Amino acid sequence: MDKTPNGMPILPDQGAPSRCPCDGAQLAMVYAPMQSFRNLFSEDDALSHGTLFEQLYKPLEEV
């Protein structure tokens, strides 16, 4: 089987359309604000909350 330069196999054409309907569309945008090292959880609290940064802790509210 032929492979690309990075080692991925080149699969034979399965009769799929030659153009994706989403070509040229922006599918996602990332927003990752810089974090300052202040208002940090303790090590134990960070493990239980899933984040070291207090400002990123957003628990789900019960409805």
Protein backbone atom coordinates (compact mmCIF):
# COMPACT_ATOMS: atom_id res chain seq x y z
CA MET A 1 0.00 0.00 0.00
CA ASP A 2 1.31 3.46 -0.89
CA LYS A 3 1.99 5.91 1.93
CA THR A 4 2.20 9.67 2.27
CA PRO A 5 5.51 11.30 3.32
CA ASN A 6 4.39 11.20 6.97
CA GLY A 7 3.66 7.45 6.79
CA MET A 8 -0.16 7.57 6.50
CA PRO A 9 -1.62 5.03 4.08
CA ILE A 10 -3.12 6.31 0.83
CA LEU A 11 -6.52 4.68 0.51
CA PRO A 12 -8.12 3.98 -2.87
CA ASP A 13 -10.92 6.25 -4.02
CA GLN A 14 -14.24 4.90 -2.76
CA GLY A 15 -16.34 6.91 -5.22
CA ALA A 16 -16.81 9.74 -2.71
CA PRO A 17 -17.61 13.19 -4.03
CA SER A 18 -14.49 15.07 -5.09
CA ARG A 19 -15.51 18.16 -3.14
CA CYS A 20 -16.63 18.53 0.47
CA PRO A 21 -19.70 20.77 0.93
CA CYS A 22 -17.83 22.57 3.70
CA ASP A 23 -14.78 23.51 1.58
CA GLY A 24 -13.77 27.07 2.37
CA ALA A 25 -16.03 27.33 5.42
CA GLN A 26 -14.65 28.28 8.83
CA LEU A 27 -15.57 25.30 10.99
CA ALA A 28 -14.31 26.49 14.37
CA MET A 29 -12.60 29.32 16.18
CA VAL A 30 -10.47 28.99 19.30
CA TYR A 31 -10.52 31.46 22.16
CA ALA A 32 -7.95 30.80 24.86
CA PRO A 33 -7.36 33.77 27.14
CA MET A 34 -3.96 34.15 28.79
CA GLN A 35 -4.03 32.97 32.38
CA SER A 36 -2.26 34.81 35.15
CA PHE A 37 -0.99 32.78 38.07
CA ARG A 38 -3.17 34.32 40.78
CA ASN A 39 -6.27 33.08 42.61
CA LEU A 40 -5.06 29.50 42.26
CA PHE A 41 -6.69 26.48 43.86
CA SER A 42 -4.61 24.37 46.24
CA GLU A 43 -3.28 21.12 44.75
CA ASP A 44 -6.10 19.02 46.25
CA ASP A 45 -8.81 21.51 45.24
CA ALA A 46 -7.36 21.80 41.72
CA LEU A 47 -7.61 18.02 41.27
CA SER A 48 -11.22 17.93 42.46
CA HIS A 49 -12.25 21.00 40.39
CA GLY A 50 -10.37 19.96 37.23
CA THR A 51 -8.46 23.24 36.94
CA LEU A 52 -5.76 25.12 38.79
CA PHE A 53 -7.31 28.51 37.97
CA GLU A 54 -10.29 29.62 40.05
CA GLN A 55 -11.57 31.88 37.25
CA LEU A 56 -11.88 28.86 34.92
CA TYR A 57 -13.98 26.80 37.33
CA LYS A 58 -17.53 26.89 35.99
CA PRO A 59 -19.60 24.14 37.63
CA LEU A 60 -22.84 23.09 35.98
CA GLU A 61 -25.92 24.32 37.79
CA GLU A 62 -28.79 21.98 38.50
CA VAL A 63 -31.98 22.96 36.71
